[in-house]
N, C-alpha and C. Protein backbone atom coordinates (compact mmCIF):
# COMPACT_ATOMS: atom_id res chain seq x y z
N GLN A 1 1.00 -1.05 -0.10
CA GLN A 1 0.01 -0.05 0.05
C GLN A 1 0.86 1.29 0.04
N VAL A 2 0.18 2.29 -0.29
CA VAL A 2 0.98 3.62 -0.45
C VAL A 2 0.03 4.68 0.39
N GLN A 3 0.86 5.58 1.13
CA GLN A 3 0.16 6.29 2.23
C GLN A 3 0.70 7.65 1.41
N LEU A 4 -0.34 8.72 1.34
CA LEU A 4 0.00 10.04 0.85
C LEU A 4 -0.43 11.09 1.84
N VAL A 5 0.52 12.09 1.74
CA VAL A 5 0.30 13.08 2.73
C VAL A 5 0.24 14.48 1.86
N GLU A 6 -0.72 15.36 1.80
CA GLU A 6 -0.54 16.60 0.99
C GLU A 6 -0.08 17.54 1.71
N SER A 7 0.36 18.93 1.38
CA SER A 7 0.71 19.99 1.94
C SER A 7 0.79 21.04 1.02
N GLY A 8 0.63 22.28 1.65
CA GLY A 8 0.84 23.61 0.59
C GLY A 8 -0.27 24.29 0.31
N GLY A 9 -1.41 23.93 0.80
CA GLY A 9 -2.53 24.58 0.30
C GLY A 9 -2.62 25.87 1.10
N GLY A 10 -3.86 26.84 0.88
CA GLY A 10 -3.79 28.03 1.68
C GLY A 10 -4.79 28.91 1.10
N LEU A 11 -4.70 30.29 1.41
CA LEU A 11 -5.48 31.38 0.73
C LEU A 11 -4.45 32.21 -0.02
N VAL A 12 -4.98 32.60 -1.28
CA VAL A 12 -4.37 33.17 -2.25
C VAL A 12 -5.21 34.34 -3.02
N GLN A 13 -4.54 35.40 -3.43
CA GLN A 13 -5.57 36.30 -3.99
C GLN A 13 -5.44 35.79 -5.58
N ALA A 14 -6.31 35.93 -6.44
CA ALA A 14 -6.50 35.73 -7.66
C ALA A 14 -5.10 36.24 -8.41
N GLY A 15 -4.67 35.66 -9.68
CA GLY A 15 -3.61 35.59 -10.16
C GLY A 15 -2.32 35.40 -9.43
N GLY A 16 -2.51 34.82 -7.91
CA GLY A 16 -1.25 34.26 -7.18
C GLY A 16 -0.96 32.90 -7.74
N SER A 17 -0.01 32.47 -7.03
CA SER A 17 0.36 31.34 -7.08
C SER A 17 0.62 30.49 -5.68
N LEU A 18 0.27 28.81 -5.82
CA LEU A 18 0.86 28.07 -4.89
C LEU A 18 1.60 27.01 -5.30
N ARG A 19 1.99 26.38 -4.59
CA ARG A 19 2.56 24.90 -4.95
C ARG A 19 2.34 23.99 -3.83
N LEU A 20 1.65 22.86 -4.32
CA LEU A 20 1.26 21.69 -3.57
C LEU A 20 2.27 20.66 -3.68
N SER A 21 2.30 19.77 -2.49
CA SER A 21 3.29 18.71 -2.37
C SER A 21 2.52 17.50 -1.92
N CYS A 22 2.99 16.50 -2.28
CA CYS A 22 2.55 15.15 -1.67
C CYS A 22 3.43 14.27 -1.53
N ALA A 23 3.75 13.61 -0.41
CA ALA A 23 4.79 12.89 -0.20
C ALA A 23 4.30 11.40 0.11
N ALA A 24 4.74 10.55 -0.75
CA ALA A 24 4.34 9.03 -0.49
C ALA A 24 5.11 8.34 0.18
N SER A 25 4.73 7.07 0.77
CA SER A 25 5.54 6.47 1.75
C SER A 25 4.70 5.04 1.53
N GLY A 26 5.40 3.83 2.25
CA GLY A 26 5.10 2.85 2.24
C GLY A 26 5.51 1.93 0.91
N ARG A 27 4.58 0.97 0.40
CA ARG A 27 5.20 0.27 -0.82
C ARG A 27 5.44 1.17 -2.10
N THR A 28 6.70 2.11 -1.93
CA THR A 28 7.07 2.76 -3.09
C THR A 28 7.83 2.41 -4.17
N PHE A 29 8.32 1.01 -3.89
CA PHE A 29 9.32 0.48 -4.57
C PHE A 29 8.80 -0.21 -5.83
N SER A 30 7.38 -0.18 -6.09
CA SER A 30 6.99 -0.67 -7.38
C SER A 30 6.49 0.84 -8.16
N PRO A 31 6.60 0.68 -9.57
CA PRO A 31 6.39 2.15 -9.99
C PRO A 31 4.66 2.54 -9.91
N TYR A 32 4.55 3.54 -10.01
CA TYR A 32 3.39 4.27 -9.63
C TYR A 32 3.00 5.72 -10.46
N ALA A 33 2.08 5.77 -10.96
CA ALA A 33 1.64 7.20 -11.42
C ALA A 33 0.88 7.86 -10.37
N MET A 34 0.97 9.26 -10.32
CA MET A 34 0.57 10.20 -9.29
C MET A 34 -0.24 11.11 -9.91
N SER A 35 -1.25 11.43 -9.37
CA SER A 35 -2.16 12.31 -10.03
C SER A 35 -2.62 13.35 -8.80
N TRP A 36 -3.12 14.56 -9.45
CA TRP A 36 -4.01 15.49 -8.34
C TRP A 36 -5.55 15.55 -8.96
N PHE A 37 -6.47 15.83 -8.32
CA PHE A 37 -7.91 15.84 -8.41
C PHE A 37 -8.14 16.86 -7.43
N ARG A 38 -9.39 17.47 -7.85
CA ARG A 38 -9.93 18.67 -6.69
C ARG A 38 -11.50 18.53 -7.00
N GLN A 39 -12.12 18.85 -5.68
CA GLN A 39 -13.48 18.84 -5.65
C GLN A 39 -14.06 20.10 -4.75
N ALA A 40 -14.91 21.02 -5.60
CA ALA A 40 -15.36 22.16 -5.09
C ALA A 40 -16.57 21.82 -4.48
N PRO A 41 -17.34 22.45 -3.63
CA PRO A 41 -18.38 22.28 -2.73
C PRO A 41 -19.58 22.07 -3.83
N GLY A 42 -20.25 21.05 -3.76
CA GLY A 42 -21.47 21.11 -4.42
C GLY A 42 -21.03 20.33 -6.05
N LYS A 43 -19.83 20.16 -6.35
CA LYS A 43 -19.40 19.91 -7.72
C LYS A 43 -18.90 18.43 -7.47
N GLU A 44 -18.63 17.96 -9.00
CA GLU A 44 -18.12 16.40 -8.89
C GLU A 44 -16.41 16.73 -8.89
N ARG A 45 -15.87 15.66 -8.50
CA ARG A 45 -14.46 15.63 -8.36
C ARG A 45 -14.03 15.72 -9.95
N GLU A 46 -12.78 16.50 -10.08
CA GLU A 46 -12.49 17.06 -11.28
C GLU A 46 -10.98 16.54 -11.44
N PHE A 47 -10.26 16.22 -12.45
CA PHE A 47 -9.06 15.72 -12.91
C PHE A 47 -8.36 16.86 -12.96
N VAL A 48 -7.00 17.00 -12.52
CA VAL A 48 -6.44 18.12 -12.51
C VAL A 48 -5.22 17.79 -13.13
N ALA A 49 -4.10 16.68 -12.97
CA ALA A 49 -2.93 16.49 -13.77
C ALA A 49 -2.71 15.28 -13.10
N ALA A 50 -1.70 14.61 -14.08
CA ALA A 50 -1.06 13.43 -13.50
C ALA A 50 0.19 13.18 -14.19
N ILE A 51 0.90 12.33 -13.61
CA ILE A 51 2.36 12.24 -13.93
C ILE A 51 2.86 10.75 -13.71
N SER A 52 3.69 10.09 -14.92
CA SER A 52 4.25 8.91 -14.67
C SER A 52 5.25 8.76 -13.66
N TRP A 53 5.55 7.50 -13.16
CA TRP A 53 6.68 7.21 -12.46
C TRP A 53 7.95 7.71 -12.94
N SER A 54 8.16 7.38 -14.44
CA SER A 54 9.44 8.10 -14.83
C SER A 54 9.32 9.56 -14.85
N GLY A 55 8.20 10.20 -14.70
CA GLY A 55 8.44 11.60 -14.75
C GLY A 55 8.25 11.97 -16.32
N GLY A 56 8.34 11.14 -17.47
CA GLY A 56 8.24 11.66 -18.78
C GLY A 56 7.25 11.83 -19.46
N ASN A 57 6.06 11.52 -18.80
CA ASN A 57 4.56 11.77 -19.22
C ASN A 57 3.84 12.17 -18.17
N ALA A 58 3.12 13.62 -18.79
CA ALA A 58 2.32 14.38 -17.82
C ALA A 58 1.33 14.68 -18.71
N VAL A 59 -0.16 14.76 -18.07
CA VAL A 59 -1.43 15.24 -18.56
C VAL A 59 -2.04 16.09 -17.82
N TYR A 60 -2.98 17.04 -18.30
CA TYR A 60 -3.43 17.84 -17.49
C TYR A 60 -4.92 17.98 -18.19
N GLY A 61 -5.86 18.60 -17.10
CA GLY A 61 -7.06 18.77 -17.36
C GLY A 61 -7.08 20.24 -18.17
N ASP A 62 -8.38 20.19 -18.84
CA ASP A 62 -8.28 21.62 -20.06
C ASP A 62 -8.54 22.83 -19.24
N SER A 63 -9.19 22.79 -17.67
CA SER A 63 -9.25 23.86 -17.23
C SER A 63 -7.84 24.60 -16.43
N VAL A 64 -6.79 23.77 -16.32
CA VAL A 64 -5.52 24.13 -15.79
C VAL A 64 -4.49 24.26 -16.70
N LYS A 65 -4.68 23.69 -18.06
CA LYS A 65 -3.32 23.76 -18.98
C LYS A 65 -2.73 25.29 -19.27
N GLY A 66 -1.48 24.90 -19.15
CA GLY A 66 -0.80 26.29 -19.28
C GLY A 66 -0.92 27.12 -17.89
N ARG A 67 -1.38 26.72 -16.85
CA ARG A 67 -1.61 27.41 -15.60
C ARG A 67 -0.81 26.50 -14.61
N PHE A 68 -0.97 25.29 -14.84
CA PHE A 68 -0.39 24.55 -13.57
C PHE A 68 0.56 23.41 -14.23
N THR A 69 1.58 23.27 -13.47
CA THR A 69 2.69 22.22 -13.94
C THR A 69 2.74 21.06 -12.83
N ILE A 70 2.91 19.81 -13.18
CA ILE A 70 2.96 18.63 -12.09
C ILE A 70 4.36 18.00 -12.47
N SER A 71 5.02 17.66 -11.37
CA SER A 71 6.19 17.31 -11.55
C SER A 71 6.69 16.27 -10.30
N ARG A 72 7.46 15.65 -10.39
CA ARG A 72 7.96 14.58 -9.20
C ARG A 72 9.71 14.70 -9.05
N ASP A 73 9.96 14.42 -7.73
CA ASP A 73 11.34 14.53 -7.36
C ASP A 73 12.30 13.18 -7.84
N TYR A 74 13.47 12.99 -7.88
CA TYR A 74 14.26 12.11 -8.52
C TYR A 74 13.80 10.80 -8.05
N ALA A 75 13.74 10.64 -6.84
CA ALA A 75 13.24 9.44 -6.20
C ALA A 75 11.89 9.08 -6.65
N GLY A 76 11.35 9.98 -6.82
CA GLY A 76 10.07 9.47 -7.43
C GLY A 76 8.69 9.84 -6.27
N ASN A 77 9.15 9.81 -4.99
CA ASN A 77 8.38 9.73 -4.06
C ASN A 77 7.49 10.81 -3.52
N THR A 78 7.77 12.11 -4.13
CA THR A 78 7.17 13.44 -3.95
C THR A 78 6.55 14.02 -5.04
N VAL A 79 5.22 14.49 -5.04
CA VAL A 79 4.96 14.98 -6.52
C VAL A 79 4.49 16.26 -6.31
N TYR A 80 4.52 17.30 -6.93
CA TYR A 80 4.38 18.51 -6.74
C TYR A 80 3.33 19.07 -7.83
N LEU A 81 2.50 20.14 -7.38
CA LEU A 81 1.44 20.85 -8.35
C LEU A 81 1.85 22.26 -8.22
N GLN A 82 2.55 22.86 -9.36
CA GLN A 82 2.76 24.45 -9.15
C GLN A 82 1.64 24.92 -9.93
N MET A 83 0.92 25.92 -9.23
CA MET A 83 -0.19 26.47 -9.55
C MET A 83 0.03 27.86 -10.10
N ASN A 84 -0.11 28.41 -11.13
CA ASN A 84 -0.09 30.11 -11.36
C ASN A 84 -0.94 30.45 -11.86
N SER A 85 -1.42 31.70 -11.94
CA SER A 85 -2.40 32.58 -12.60
C SER A 85 -3.57 32.01 -11.86
N LEU A 86 -3.66 31.76 -10.70
CA LEU A 86 -4.69 31.24 -9.95
C LEU A 86 -6.09 32.03 -10.09
N LYS A 87 -7.18 31.29 -10.18
CA LYS A 87 -8.54 32.15 -10.61
C LYS A 87 -9.34 31.55 -9.37
N PRO A 88 -10.49 32.49 -8.95
CA PRO A 88 -11.54 31.96 -8.03
C PRO A 88 -12.16 30.53 -8.07
N GLU A 89 -12.39 30.24 -9.45
CA GLU A 89 -12.90 28.64 -9.87
C GLU A 89 -11.71 27.78 -9.48
N ASP A 90 -10.44 27.85 -9.23
CA ASP A 90 -9.59 26.99 -8.60
C ASP A 90 -9.99 26.34 -7.23
N THR A 91 -10.83 27.33 -6.58
CA THR A 91 -11.18 27.04 -4.97
C THR A 91 -11.74 25.71 -5.04
N ALA A 92 -11.09 24.89 -4.46
CA ALA A 92 -11.47 23.55 -3.98
C ALA A 92 -10.49 22.77 -2.95
N VAL A 93 -11.15 21.63 -2.69
CA VAL A 93 -10.07 20.76 -1.95
C VAL A 93 -9.41 19.76 -3.05
N TYR A 94 -7.99 20.08 -2.79
CA TYR A 94 -6.93 19.09 -3.76
C TYR A 94 -6.75 17.75 -3.23
N TYR A 95 -6.79 16.58 -3.83
CA TYR A 95 -6.41 15.54 -3.43
C TYR A 95 -5.21 14.79 -4.05
N CYS A 96 -4.30 14.40 -3.65
CA CYS A 96 -3.15 13.50 -4.27
C CYS A 96 -3.78 12.25 -4.49
N ALA A 97 -3.29 11.53 -5.58
CA ALA A 97 -3.83 9.92 -5.69
C ALA A 97 -2.71 9.26 -6.38
N ALA A 98 -2.61 8.09 -6.16
CA ALA A 98 -1.39 7.12 -6.70
C ALA A 98 -2.02 5.86 -7.40
N LYS A 99 -1.46 5.19 -8.10
CA LYS A 99 -1.93 3.84 -8.88
C LYS A 99 -0.83 3.30 -9.55
N TYR A 100 -0.94 1.90 -8.93
CA TYR A 100 0.53 1.14 -9.46
C TYR A 100 0.16 1.06 -11.04
N LEU A 101 1.13 1.63 -11.81
CA LEU A 101 1.22 1.57 -13.39
C LEU A 101 2.65 1.18 -13.83
N PRO A 102 2.73 0.75 -15.04
CA PRO A 102 4.29 0.89 -15.62
C PRO A 102 4.68 2.06 -15.47
N PRO A 103 6.18 2.25 -15.50
CA PRO A 103 6.96 3.55 -15.60
C PRO A 103 6.27 4.90 -16.33
N ASN A 104 5.89 4.41 -17.52
CA ASN A 104 5.66 5.61 -18.52
C ASN A 104 4.04 5.93 -18.76
N TYR A 105 3.34 5.06 -17.97
CA TYR A 105 1.73 5.45 -17.97
C TYR A 105 1.48 6.23 -16.90
N VAL A 106 0.18 6.79 -17.46
CA VAL A 106 -0.49 7.93 -16.57
C VAL A 106 -1.95 7.52 -16.60
N ASP A 107 -2.91 7.85 -15.92
CA ASP A 107 -4.47 7.78 -16.01
C ASP A 107 -4.93 8.78 -15.31
N TYR A 108 -5.74 9.21 -16.21
CA TYR A 108 -6.84 10.59 -15.47
C TYR A 108 -8.14 10.27 -15.11
N GLN A 109 -8.32 9.19 -14.82
CA GLN A 109 -9.77 8.59 -14.41
C GLN A 109 -9.72 8.50 -12.52
N GLY A 110 -10.23 8.96 -11.86
CA GLY A 110 -10.26 9.23 -10.67
C GLY A 110 -10.60 7.62 -9.98
N ALA A 111 -11.40 6.92 -10.70
CA ALA A 111 -12.03 5.97 -10.44
C ALA A 111 -10.77 5.04 -10.45
N ALA A 112 -9.74 4.92 -11.14
CA ALA A 112 -8.75 4.04 -11.17
C ALA A 112 -7.85 4.17 -10.10
N TYR A 113 -7.74 5.07 -9.49
CA TYR A 113 -6.64 5.48 -8.31
C TYR A 113 -7.16 4.65 -7.32
N ASN A 114 -6.05 4.23 -6.44
CA ASN A 114 -6.10 3.06 -5.31
C ASN A 114 -6.16 3.68 -4.35
N TYR A 115 -5.16 4.65 -4.15
CA TYR A 115 -4.76 5.54 -2.92
C TYR A 115 -4.87 6.78 -2.82
N TRP A 116 -5.46 7.55 -1.69
CA TRP A 116 -5.80 8.87 -1.89
C TRP A 116 -5.19 9.59 -0.52
N GLY A 117 -4.63 11.00 -0.86
CA GLY A 117 -4.52 11.57 0.41
C GLY A 117 -5.46 12.24 1.26
N GLN A 118 -5.50 12.91 2.26
CA GLN A 118 -6.57 13.38 2.88
C GLN A 118 -7.00 14.85 2.54
N GLY A 119 -6.40 15.42 1.61
CA GLY A 119 -6.81 16.73 0.93
C GLY A 119 -5.96 17.54 1.56
N THR A 120 -5.92 18.86 0.84
CA THR A 120 -5.73 20.19 1.42
C THR A 120 -6.44 21.34 0.59
N GLN A 121 -7.02 22.16 1.12
CA GLN A 121 -7.69 23.23 0.78
C GLN A 121 -6.88 24.33 0.16
N VAL A 122 -7.41 24.43 -0.98
CA VAL A 122 -7.03 25.93 -1.75
C VAL A 122 -8.17 26.84 -1.89
N THR A 123 -7.81 27.97 -1.52
CA THR A 123 -9.25 29.23 -1.75
C THR A 123 -8.16 30.18 -2.27
N VAL A 124 -8.80 30.73 -3.46
CA VAL A 124 -8.58 31.80 -4.44
C VAL A 124 -9.70 32.82 -4.14
N SER A 125 -9.21 34.02 -3.82
CA SER A 125 -9.88 35.20 -3.32
C SER A 125 -9.90 36.00 -4.52
N SER A 126 -11.06 36.68 -4.93
CA SER A 126 -11.15 37.65 -6.12
C SER A 126 -10.77 38.77 -5.65
């Protein structure tokens, strides 16, 4: 199993930036993709970004393309989400997720992920 802990959320003004982190522990020696999802009050969970174990393959949701960047460290056990040009509609709880996949694979479907963090609140004021 993989345990995930997010950090870095907070309150920021529109146009500002935040960087989220997600640290993985446990059975991390097998390759796994990592992703970010978000959920705003009264809305369905939304895919934000995902990155492969190798770090060479990343995909983004349409609403964040060009503003957010996902990356992971050399050891592969921490994933980051750099969020720039934040908008009020980015306000949500952001969740990190992990799924065992071959090194270059990603998955953007939330239902496919086995492991989830507790979430971190991001609030963007107008």
